[in-house]
Amino acid sequence: MQITITARHFDLTKAIRSAIENSCEKLTRYFDQIVNIHITLNLENNRNVVDMTLHASKFNLQAQAEANDMYLAINEAIDSMETQIKKLKEKVTDHNKKRLKEDPRFVYANLYKDESEKSKRVIKTKRMVAETLSIDEAIERFNDIEDDYLIFKNVETDSINVIVKKDNEHFRIFEP
């Protein structure tokens, strides 16, 4: 991780530089893919303004803080960046833990259970990958299998379709 510090309208001291470097090191504890951090320290009248830009592998984050003391402004900017990194990391890890149900490549049928005393029927659930096929390819594939139906993703409409054999020569295609 590379840290670049720019000071405007004042001289950068070793104490401020070491405080910034120590504070930036704790950011790597939350997110280890940080490429570089650019910090601009600006002294305007009696205000100390800190602009912070963080470049990660796929993300750019920015934070700005203003205080009467330069150290307070630096700490506020680091804290703001820390909360952004935590939020980003949570978003990235939640995205990777997406449940299989939400995966659009799978087709699901719900389990139906009738609890009445007269009939106790259970419909089996089958999960399968919907292959991307044209209608002609689906009919050819359907002739090769022994099932009564074929679920596929239509190339033309980009939606899930079901083909069912009506008789030996005729087929039905169900589109949502």
N, C-alpha and C. Protein backbone atom coordinates (compact mmCIF):
# COMPACT_ATOMS: atom_id res chain seq x y z
N MET A 1 0.85 -1.17 0.00
CA MET A 1 0.00 0.00 0.00
C MET A 1 0.90 1.24 0.00
N GLN A 2 0.60 2.14 -0.90
CA GLN A 2 1.37 3.37 -1.02
C GLN A 2 0.54 4.52 -0.45
N ILE A 3 1.17 5.32 0.39
CA ILE A 3 0.50 6.47 1.00
C ILE A 3 1.16 7.73 0.47
N THR A 4 0.34 8.61 -0.13
CA THR A 4 0.83 9.87 -0.66
C THR A 4 0.19 10.99 0.14
N ILE A 5 1.02 11.88 0.68
CA ILE A 5 0.53 12.98 1.51
C ILE A 5 0.91 14.29 0.85
N THR A 6 -0.09 15.16 0.68
CA THR A 6 0.13 16.49 0.11
C THR A 6 -0.30 17.52 1.15
N ALA A 7 0.58 18.46 1.45
CA ALA A 7 0.27 19.53 2.41
C ALA A 7 0.17 20.85 1.66
N ARG A 8 -0.91 21.57 1.91
CA ARG A 8 -1.10 22.87 1.26
C ARG A 8 -1.15 23.96 2.32
N HIS A 9 -0.39 25.00 2.09
CA HIS A 9 -0.36 26.20 2.92
C HIS A 9 0.27 25.98 4.30
N PHE A 10 1.02 24.90 4.47
CA PHE A 10 1.80 24.70 5.68
C PHE A 10 2.85 23.63 5.41
N ASP A 11 3.81 23.52 6.31
CA ASP A 11 4.86 22.53 6.18
C ASP A 11 4.43 21.24 6.88
N LEU A 12 4.64 20.13 6.23
CA LEU A 12 4.29 18.83 6.78
C LEU A 12 5.37 18.40 7.76
N THR A 13 4.96 18.09 8.99
CA THR A 13 5.92 17.66 10.00
C THR A 13 6.01 16.13 10.03
N LYS A 14 7.08 15.65 10.65
CA LYS A 14 7.26 14.20 10.78
C LYS A 14 6.18 13.60 11.68
N ALA A 15 5.75 14.35 12.67
CA ALA A 15 4.72 13.85 13.59
C ALA A 15 3.39 13.63 12.86
N ILE A 16 3.02 14.59 12.01
CA ILE A 16 1.77 14.44 11.25
C ILE A 16 1.90 13.28 10.27
N ARG A 17 3.05 13.17 9.61
CA ARG A 17 3.27 12.08 8.65
C ARG A 17 3.18 10.73 9.36
N SER A 18 3.80 10.56 10.49
CA SER A 18 3.76 9.28 11.20
C SER A 18 2.35 8.99 11.73
N ALA A 19 1.63 10.03 12.16
CA ALA A 19 0.26 9.83 12.62
C ALA A 19 -0.63 9.33 11.48
N ILE A 20 -0.44 9.89 10.30
CA ILE A 20 -1.22 9.47 9.13
C ILE A 20 -0.87 8.03 8.75
N GLU A 21 0.42 7.72 8.71
CA GLU A 21 0.84 6.37 8.32
C GLU A 21 0.34 5.32 9.31
N ASN A 22 0.40 5.63 10.61
CA ASN A 22 -0.10 4.69 11.61
C ASN A 22 -1.61 4.51 11.50
N SER A 23 -2.32 5.60 11.24
CA SER A 23 -3.78 5.51 11.11
C SER A 23 -4.18 4.74 9.85
N CYS A 24 -3.43 4.92 8.78
CA CYS A 24 -3.76 4.22 7.53
C CYS A 24 -3.45 2.73 7.62
N GLU A 25 -2.51 2.35 8.45
CA GLU A 25 -2.19 0.94 8.62
C GLU A 25 -3.35 0.17 9.22
N LYS A 26 -4.17 0.82 10.04
CA LYS A 26 -5.30 0.10 10.63
C LYS A 26 -6.42 -0.13 9.61
N LEU A 27 -6.38 0.59 8.47
CA LEU A 27 -7.37 0.35 7.41
C LEU A 27 -7.14 -0.98 6.73
N THR A 28 -5.88 -1.42 6.67
CA THR A 28 -5.59 -2.70 6.03
C THR A 28 -6.11 -3.87 6.86
N ARG A 29 -6.41 -3.62 8.11
CA ARG A 29 -6.98 -4.65 8.97
C ARG A 29 -8.36 -5.06 8.47
N TYR A 30 -9.09 -4.12 7.88
CA TYR A 30 -10.44 -4.38 7.41
C TYR A 30 -10.49 -4.80 5.95
N PHE A 31 -9.58 -4.27 5.16
CA PHE A 31 -9.62 -4.51 3.71
C PHE A 31 -8.18 -4.55 3.22
N ASP A 32 -7.72 -5.72 2.79
CA ASP A 32 -6.30 -5.89 2.44
C ASP A 32 -5.98 -5.64 0.97
N GLN A 33 -6.96 -5.23 0.17
CA GLN A 33 -6.71 -5.02 -1.25
C GLN A 33 -6.53 -3.54 -1.59
N ILE A 34 -6.05 -2.76 -0.66
CA ILE A 34 -5.83 -1.33 -0.88
C ILE A 34 -4.56 -1.14 -1.70
N VAL A 35 -4.67 -0.41 -2.82
CA VAL A 35 -3.52 -0.17 -3.67
C VAL A 35 -2.77 1.06 -3.20
N ASN A 36 -3.49 2.21 -3.10
CA ASN A 36 -2.83 3.41 -2.59
C ASN A 36 -3.85 4.33 -1.93
N ILE A 37 -3.33 5.21 -1.09
CA ILE A 37 -4.13 6.20 -0.38
C ILE A 37 -3.49 7.55 -0.64
N HIS A 38 -4.31 8.51 -1.06
CA HIS A 38 -3.82 9.87 -1.28
C HIS A 38 -4.53 10.78 -0.28
N ILE A 39 -3.74 11.49 0.52
CA ILE A 39 -4.29 12.40 1.54
C ILE A 39 -3.80 13.80 1.25
N THR A 40 -4.76 14.74 1.20
CA THR A 40 -4.44 16.14 1.00
C THR A 40 -4.81 16.89 2.27
N LEU A 41 -3.82 17.52 2.89
CA LEU A 41 -4.01 18.32 4.09
C LEU A 41 -4.01 19.78 3.67
N ASN A 42 -5.03 20.51 4.08
CA ASN A 42 -5.17 21.89 3.63
C ASN A 42 -5.45 22.77 4.85
N LEU A 43 -4.73 23.86 4.96
CA LEU A 43 -4.92 24.82 6.05
C LEU A 43 -5.52 26.08 5.46
N GLU A 44 -6.80 26.35 5.79
CA GLU A 44 -7.51 27.52 5.29
C GLU A 44 -7.99 28.33 6.49
N ASN A 45 -7.47 29.54 6.62
CA ASN A 45 -7.77 30.40 7.77
C ASN A 45 -7.55 29.62 9.06
N ASN A 46 -8.58 29.31 9.83
CA ASN A 46 -8.42 28.54 11.06
C ASN A 46 -8.98 27.13 10.91
N ARG A 47 -9.25 26.73 9.69
CA ARG A 47 -9.82 25.40 9.45
C ARG A 47 -8.74 24.47 8.91
N ASN A 48 -8.79 23.25 9.36
CA ASN A 48 -7.91 22.21 8.85
C ASN A 48 -8.78 21.21 8.09
N VAL A 49 -8.56 21.09 6.79
CA VAL A 49 -9.37 20.23 5.94
C VAL A 49 -8.51 19.06 5.46
N VAL A 50 -9.07 17.86 5.59
CA VAL A 50 -8.38 16.65 5.16
C VAL A 50 -9.24 15.98 4.10
N ASP A 51 -8.69 15.81 2.89
CA ASP A 51 -9.34 15.06 1.82
C ASP A 51 -8.57 13.76 1.66
N MET A 52 -9.32 12.65 1.64
CA MET A 52 -8.67 11.34 1.59
C MET A 52 -9.30 10.53 0.46
N THR A 53 -8.47 9.97 -0.41
CA THR A 53 -8.93 9.13 -1.51
C THR A 53 -8.22 7.79 -1.40
N LEU A 54 -9.01 6.73 -1.42
CA LEU A 54 -8.47 5.37 -1.30
C LEU A 54 -8.78 4.62 -2.58
N HIS A 55 -7.76 4.04 -3.17
CA HIS A 55 -7.92 3.24 -4.38
C HIS A 55 -7.69 1.78 -4.02
N ALA A 56 -8.73 0.97 -4.19
CA ALA A 56 -8.61 -0.47 -3.97
C ALA A 56 -8.63 -1.16 -5.33
N SER A 57 -8.64 -2.47 -5.32
CA SER A 57 -8.54 -3.20 -6.58
C SER A 57 -9.68 -2.88 -7.54
N LYS A 58 -10.90 -2.77 -7.05
CA LYS A 58 -12.04 -2.47 -7.92
C LYS A 58 -12.83 -1.26 -7.46
N PHE A 59 -12.43 -0.62 -6.38
CA PHE A 59 -13.23 0.44 -5.78
C PHE A 59 -12.39 1.67 -5.49
N ASN A 60 -13.03 2.82 -5.54
CA ASN A 60 -12.42 4.08 -5.11
C ASN A 60 -13.33 4.69 -4.05
N LEU A 61 -12.76 5.05 -2.93
CA LEU A 61 -13.52 5.65 -1.84
C LEU A 61 -12.93 7.01 -1.50
N GLN A 62 -13.79 7.93 -1.06
CA GLN A 62 -13.34 9.26 -0.68
C GLN A 62 -13.94 9.64 0.67
N ALA A 63 -13.16 10.40 1.43
CA ALA A 63 -13.62 10.92 2.72
C ALA A 63 -13.06 12.32 2.89
N GLN A 64 -13.82 13.15 3.58
CA GLN A 64 -13.37 14.51 3.85
C GLN A 64 -13.76 14.85 5.28
N ALA A 65 -12.86 15.57 5.96
CA ALA A 65 -13.11 15.97 7.34
C ALA A 65 -12.56 17.37 7.55
N GLU A 66 -13.16 18.05 8.51
CA GLU A 66 -12.75 19.42 8.80
C GLU A 66 -12.82 19.61 10.31
N ALA A 67 -11.77 20.20 10.88
CA ALA A 67 -11.72 20.44 12.33
C ALA A 67 -10.76 21.59 12.60
N ASN A 68 -10.75 22.04 13.86
CA ASN A 68 -9.84 23.11 14.25
C ASN A 68 -8.41 22.61 14.43
N ASP A 69 -8.27 21.32 14.75
CA ASP A 69 -6.95 20.71 14.94
C ASP A 69 -6.69 19.72 13.80
N MET A 70 -5.49 19.72 13.28
CA MET A 70 -5.15 18.85 12.15
C MET A 70 -5.27 17.39 12.53
N TYR A 71 -4.85 17.01 13.75
CA TYR A 71 -4.92 15.63 14.18
C TYR A 71 -6.37 15.16 14.29
N LEU A 72 -7.26 16.03 14.77
CA LEU A 72 -8.68 15.68 14.86
C LEU A 72 -9.26 15.48 13.46
N ALA A 73 -8.89 16.34 12.53
CA ALA A 73 -9.39 16.22 11.16
C ALA A 73 -8.90 14.92 10.52
N ILE A 74 -7.65 14.58 10.78
CA ILE A 74 -7.10 13.32 10.24
C ILE A 74 -7.86 12.13 10.81
N ASN A 75 -8.08 12.14 12.13
CA ASN A 75 -8.80 11.03 12.76
C ASN A 75 -10.23 10.92 12.25
N GLU A 76 -10.90 12.05 12.03
CA GLU A 76 -12.27 12.02 11.51
C GLU A 76 -12.29 11.44 10.09
N ALA A 77 -11.34 11.83 9.26
CA ALA A 77 -11.27 11.31 7.89
C ALA A 77 -10.99 9.81 7.89
N ILE A 78 -10.09 9.37 8.75
CA ILE A 78 -9.76 7.93 8.85
C ILE A 78 -10.98 7.16 9.34
N ASP A 79 -11.70 7.69 10.33
CA ASP A 79 -12.91 7.02 10.84
C ASP A 79 -13.98 6.93 9.76
N SER A 80 -14.15 8.01 9.01
CA SER A 80 -15.12 7.99 7.91
C SER A 80 -14.74 6.96 6.86
N MET A 81 -13.47 6.88 6.53
CA MET A 81 -13.00 5.90 5.56
C MET A 81 -13.16 4.49 6.11
N GLU A 82 -12.93 4.32 7.38
CA GLU A 82 -13.08 3.01 8.02
C GLU A 82 -14.52 2.52 7.93
N THR A 83 -15.49 3.39 8.17
CA THR A 83 -16.90 2.98 8.07
C THR A 83 -17.26 2.65 6.62
N GLN A 84 -16.72 3.40 5.66
CA GLN A 84 -16.97 3.09 4.26
C GLN A 84 -16.38 1.74 3.88
N ILE A 85 -15.19 1.45 4.36
CA ILE A 85 -14.54 0.17 4.05
C ILE A 85 -15.32 -0.98 4.67
N LYS A 86 -15.78 -0.81 5.91
CA LYS A 86 -16.58 -1.86 6.55
C LYS A 86 -17.85 -2.12 5.76
N LYS A 87 -18.51 -1.06 5.32
CA LYS A 87 -19.73 -1.19 4.54
C LYS A 87 -19.45 -1.88 3.21
N LEU A 88 -18.37 -1.49 2.57
CA LEU A 88 -17.99 -2.10 1.29
C LEU A 88 -17.66 -3.58 1.47
N LYS A 89 -16.92 -3.90 2.51
CA LYS A 89 -16.55 -5.29 2.75
C LYS A 89 -17.79 -6.14 3.04
N GLU A 90 -18.72 -5.59 3.80
CA GLU A 90 -19.96 -6.30 4.10
C GLU A 90 -20.76 -6.53 2.82
N LYS A 91 -20.79 -5.54 1.96
CA LYS A 91 -21.52 -5.66 0.70
C LYS A 91 -20.88 -6.72 -0.19
N VAL A 92 -19.56 -6.73 -0.27
CA VAL A 92 -18.87 -7.70 -1.11
C VAL A 92 -19.04 -9.11 -0.56
N THR A 93 -18.90 -9.31 0.74
CA THR A 93 -19.02 -10.65 1.30
C THR A 93 -20.46 -11.14 1.25
N ASP A 94 -21.45 -10.26 1.43
CA ASP A 94 -22.84 -10.67 1.29
C ASP A 94 -23.15 -11.08 -0.13
N HIS A 95 -22.54 -10.39 -1.09
CA HIS A 95 -22.76 -10.72 -2.49
C HIS A 95 -22.21 -12.11 -2.80
N ASN A 96 -21.10 -12.45 -2.23
CA ASN A 96 -20.50 -13.75 -2.49
C ASN A 96 -21.25 -14.88 -1.80
N LYS A 97 -22.00 -14.58 -0.74
CA LYS A 97 -22.73 -15.60 -0.01
C LYS A 97 -24.17 -15.69 -0.49
N LYS A 98 -24.41 -15.26 -1.71
CA LYS A 98 -25.77 -15.29 -2.26
C LYS A 98 -26.28 -16.72 -2.24
N ARG A 99 -27.52 -16.87 -1.82
CA ARG A 99 -28.08 -18.20 -1.74
C ARG A 99 -28.31 -18.79 -3.12
N LEU A 100 -28.32 -20.08 -3.18
CA LEU A 100 -28.49 -20.78 -4.44
C LEU A 100 -29.85 -20.50 -5.06
N LYS A 101 -30.84 -20.21 -4.21
CA LYS A 101 -32.18 -19.90 -4.71
C LYS A 101 -32.18 -18.71 -5.64
N GLU A 102 -31.32 -17.76 -5.39
CA GLU A 102 -31.31 -16.53 -6.16
C GLU A 102 -30.50 -16.66 -7.44
N ASP A 103 -29.91 -17.82 -7.68
CA ASP A 103 -29.11 -18.02 -8.88
C ASP A 103 -30.05 -18.24 -10.06
N PRO A 104 -29.98 -17.40 -11.10
CA PRO A 104 -30.95 -17.50 -12.20
C PRO A 104 -30.74 -18.72 -13.10
N ARG A 105 -29.64 -19.45 -12.93
CA ARG A 105 -29.39 -20.61 -13.78
C ARG A 105 -30.22 -21.81 -13.35
N PHE A 106 -30.78 -21.79 -12.14
CA PHE A 106 -31.52 -22.93 -11.65
C PHE A 106 -33.01 -22.69 -11.76
N VAL A 107 -33.75 -23.76 -12.03
CA VAL A 107 -35.20 -23.72 -12.12
C VAL A 107 -35.72 -24.50 -10.93
N TYR A 108 -36.70 -23.93 -10.24
CA TYR A 108 -37.21 -24.55 -9.02
C TYR A 108 -38.70 -24.85 -9.16
N ALA A 109 -39.10 -25.92 -8.56
CA ALA A 109 -40.52 -26.22 -8.39
C ALA A 109 -40.75 -26.33 -6.89
N ASN A 110 -41.84 -25.75 -6.41
CA ASN A 110 -42.11 -25.76 -4.98
C ASN A 110 -42.68 -27.09 -4.54
N LEU A 111 -42.40 -27.45 -3.32
CA LEU A 111 -42.93 -28.67 -2.73
C LEU A 111 -44.35 -28.38 -2.27
N TYR A 112 -45.28 -29.16 -2.75
CA TYR A 112 -46.69 -28.96 -2.40
C TYR A 112 -47.13 -30.10 -1.52
N LYS A 113 -47.71 -29.77 -0.40
CA LYS A 113 -48.16 -30.80 0.52
C LYS A 113 -49.57 -30.44 0.93
N ASP A 114 -50.52 -31.33 0.67
CA ASP A 114 -51.91 -31.11 1.04
C ASP A 114 -52.13 -31.78 2.39
N GLU A 115 -52.45 -30.99 3.39
CA GLU A 115 -52.56 -31.50 4.76
C GLU A 115 -53.96 -31.99 5.11
N SER A 116 -54.89 -31.98 4.19
CA SER A 116 -56.24 -32.43 4.52
C SER A 116 -56.26 -33.94 4.75
N GLU A 117 -57.30 -34.39 5.45
CA GLU A 117 -57.41 -35.80 5.81
C GLU A 117 -57.72 -36.67 4.60
N LYS A 118 -58.45 -36.12 3.60
CA LYS A 118 -58.89 -36.93 2.47
C LYS A 118 -57.72 -37.33 1.58
N SER A 119 -56.89 -36.38 1.29
CA SER A 119 -55.79 -36.69 0.36
C SER A 119 -54.46 -36.31 0.97
N LYS A 120 -53.54 -37.21 0.89
CA LYS A 120 -52.20 -36.93 1.36
C LYS A 120 -51.27 -37.08 0.18
N ARG A 121 -51.15 -36.02 -0.59
CA ARG A 121 -50.30 -36.08 -1.76
C ARG A 121 -49.12 -35.14 -1.60
N VAL A 122 -48.03 -35.60 -2.09
CA VAL A 122 -46.80 -34.83 -2.06
C VAL A 122 -46.26 -34.79 -3.48
N ILE A 123 -45.95 -33.61 -3.94
CA ILE A 123 -45.38 -33.46 -5.27
C ILE A 123 -43.86 -33.34 -5.11
N LYS A 124 -43.14 -34.13 -5.85
CA LYS A 124 -41.67 -34.13 -5.75
C LYS A 124 -41.11 -32.86 -6.36
N THR A 125 -40.01 -32.41 -5.80
CA THR A 125 -39.32 -31.23 -6.30
C THR A 125 -38.08 -31.68 -7.06
N LYS A 126 -37.90 -31.10 -8.24
CA LYS A 126 -36.73 -31.43 -9.04
C LYS A 126 -36.02 -30.13 -9.37
N ARG A 127 -34.73 -30.07 -9.07
CA ARG A 127 -33.93 -28.88 -9.37
C ARG A 127 -32.98 -29.25 -10.49
N MET A 128 -32.94 -28.39 -11.50
CA MET A 128 -32.09 -28.69 -12.64
C MET A 128 -31.57 -27.40 -13.26
N VAL A 129 -30.52 -27.53 -14.01
CA VAL A 129 -29.94 -26.39 -14.72
C VAL A 129 -30.70 -26.24 -16.03
N ALA A 130 -31.22 -25.06 -16.29
CA ALA A 130 -31.93 -24.79 -17.53
C ALA A 130 -30.90 -24.46 -18.61
N GLU A 131 -30.77 -25.33 -19.59
CA GLU A 131 -29.80 -25.11 -20.66
C GLU A 131 -30.33 -24.06 -21.62
N THR A 132 -29.45 -23.29 -22.20
CA THR A 132 -29.83 -22.27 -23.17
C THR A 132 -29.91 -22.92 -24.54
N LEU A 133 -31.13 -22.99 -25.08
CA LEU A 133 -31.37 -23.67 -26.36
C LEU A 133 -32.35 -22.86 -27.21
N SER A 134 -32.30 -23.08 -28.50
CA SER A 134 -33.36 -22.56 -29.37
C SER A 134 -34.50 -23.57 -29.33
N ILE A 135 -35.64 -23.22 -29.93
CA ILE A 135 -36.79 -24.12 -29.89
C ILE A 135 -36.50 -25.39 -30.68
N ASP A 136 -35.84 -25.28 -31.83
CA ASP A 136 -35.51 -26.46 -32.62
C ASP A 136 -34.55 -27.38 -31.87
N GLU A 137 -33.54 -26.79 -31.22
CA GLU A 137 -32.61 -27.61 -30.44
C GLU A 137 -33.32 -28.29 -29.27
N ALA A 138 -34.28 -27.59 -28.67
CA ALA A 138 -35.03 -28.16 -27.54
C ALA A 138 -35.86 -29.35 -28.00
N ILE A 139 -36.48 -29.26 -29.19
CA ILE A 139 -37.28 -30.38 -29.70
C ILE A 139 -36.38 -31.57 -29.99
N GLU A 140 -35.21 -31.32 -30.58
CA GLU A 140 -34.26 -32.41 -30.83
C GLU A 140 -33.80 -33.06 -29.54
N ARG A 141 -33.47 -32.25 -28.55
CA ARG A 141 -33.03 -32.77 -27.25
C ARG A 141 -34.16 -33.52 -26.56
N PHE A 142 -35.39 -33.02 -26.73
CA PHE A 142 -36.57 -33.65 -26.11
C PHE A 142 -36.81 -35.04 -26.68
N ASN A 143 -36.54 -35.24 -27.96
CA ASN A 143 -36.70 -36.56 -28.57
C ASN A 143 -35.67 -37.55 -28.04
N ASP A 144 -34.54 -37.07 -27.57
CA ASP A 144 -33.48 -37.95 -27.06
C ASP A 144 -33.70 -38.40 -25.62
N ILE A 145 -34.52 -37.67 -24.87
CA ILE A 145 -34.73 -38.02 -23.46
C ILE A 145 -36.05 -38.77 -23.30
N GLU A 146 -36.23 -39.39 -22.15
CA GLU A 146 -37.44 -40.17 -21.90
C GLU A 146 -38.45 -39.44 -21.03
N ASP A 147 -38.14 -38.26 -20.53
CA ASP A 147 -39.06 -37.53 -19.68
C ASP A 147 -40.23 -37.00 -20.49
N ASP A 148 -41.29 -36.60 -19.77
CA ASP A 148 -42.48 -36.06 -20.42
C ASP A 148 -42.37 -34.57 -20.70
N TYR A 149 -41.34 -33.96 -20.20
CA TYR A 149 -41.17 -32.51 -20.36
C TYR A 149 -39.69 -32.18 -20.42
N LEU A 150 -39.39 -30.96 -20.90
CA LEU A 150 -38.02 -30.45 -20.92
C LEU A 150 -38.08 -28.98 -20.57
N ILE A 151 -37.29 -28.58 -19.61
CA ILE A 151 -37.21 -27.18 -19.21
C ILE A 151 -35.92 -26.62 -19.80
N PHE A 152 -36.04 -25.47 -20.48
CA PHE A 152 -34.87 -24.87 -21.11
C PHE A 152 -35.01 -23.36 -21.11
N LYS A 153 -33.90 -22.68 -21.31
CA LYS A 153 -33.90 -21.23 -21.42
C LYS A 153 -33.87 -20.88 -22.91
N ASN A 154 -34.91 -20.19 -23.36
CA ASN A 154 -35.06 -19.87 -24.76
C ASN A 154 -34.05 -18.79 -25.15
N VAL A 155 -33.31 -19.02 -26.23
CA VAL A 155 -32.30 -18.08 -26.71
C VAL A 155 -32.95 -16.78 -27.18
N GLU A 156 -34.08 -16.90 -27.87
CA GLU A 156 -34.71 -15.74 -28.47
C GLU A 156 -35.36 -14.81 -27.44
N THR A 157 -36.05 -15.39 -26.45
CA THR A 157 -36.77 -14.57 -25.47
C THR A 157 -36.01 -14.40 -24.16
N ASP A 158 -34.95 -15.18 -23.97
CA ASP A 158 -34.14 -15.14 -22.75
C ASP A 158 -34.98 -15.41 -21.50
N SER A 159 -35.95 -16.32 -21.63
CA SER A 159 -36.80 -16.69 -20.49
C SER A 159 -36.87 -18.21 -20.42
N ILE A 160 -37.34 -18.70 -19.29
CA ILE A 160 -37.46 -20.13 -19.07
C ILE A 160 -38.72 -20.64 -19.76
N ASN A 161 -38.59 -21.70 -20.57
CA ASN A 161 -39.72 -22.31 -21.27
C ASN A 161 -39.78 -23.79 -20.91
N VAL A 162 -40.97 -24.37 -21.07
CA VAL A 162 -41.18 -25.80 -20.84
C VAL A 162 -41.79 -26.38 -22.11
N ILE A 163 -41.22 -27.46 -22.59
CA ILE A 163 -41.78 -28.13 -23.76
C ILE A 163 -42.34 -29.47 -23.29
N VAL A 164 -43.59 -29.77 -23.74
CA VAL A 164 -44.29 -30.98 -23.33
C VAL A 164 -44.75 -31.68 -24.60
N LYS A 165 -44.71 -33.02 -24.61
CA LYS A 165 -45.14 -33.79 -25.77
C LYS A 165 -46.65 -33.96 -25.71
N LYS A 166 -47.35 -33.47 -26.74
CA LYS A 166 -48.80 -33.60 -26.83
C LYS A 166 -49.16 -35.00 -27.35
N ASP A 167 -48.56 -35.38 -28.45
CA ASP A 167 -48.61 -36.73 -28.99
C ASP A 167 -47.28 -36.98 -29.69
N ASN A 168 -47.18 -37.98 -30.53
CA ASN A 168 -45.90 -38.32 -31.13
C ASN A 168 -45.36 -37.25 -32.07
N GLU A 169 -46.23 -36.42 -32.65
CA GLU A 169 -45.80 -35.45 -33.61
C GLU A 169 -45.94 -34.00 -33.14
N HIS A 170 -46.73 -33.78 -32.11
CA HIS A 170 -47.02 -32.41 -31.68
C HIS A 170 -46.47 -32.14 -30.28
N PHE A 171 -46.02 -30.90 -30.12
CA PHE A 171 -45.45 -30.48 -28.85
C PHE A 171 -46.14 -29.21 -28.39
N ARG A 172 -46.10 -28.96 -27.09
CA ARG A 172 -46.58 -27.70 -26.53
C ARG A 172 -45.40 -27.01 -25.85
N ILE A 173 -45.33 -25.71 -26.05
CA ILE A 173 -44.28 -24.91 -25.39
C ILE A 173 -44.97 -23.92 -24.48
N PHE A 174 -44.59 -23.93 -23.21
CA PHE A 174 -45.14 -23.01 -22.23
C PHE A 174 -44.12 -21.91 -21.97
N GLU A 175 -44.55 -20.66 -22.12
CA GLU A 175 -43.71 -19.51 -21.86
C GLU A 175 -44.33 -18.72 -20.71
N PRO A 176 -43.53 -18.19 -19.82
CA PRO A 176 -44.11 -17.39 -18.74
C PRO A 176 -44.61 -16.04 -19.24
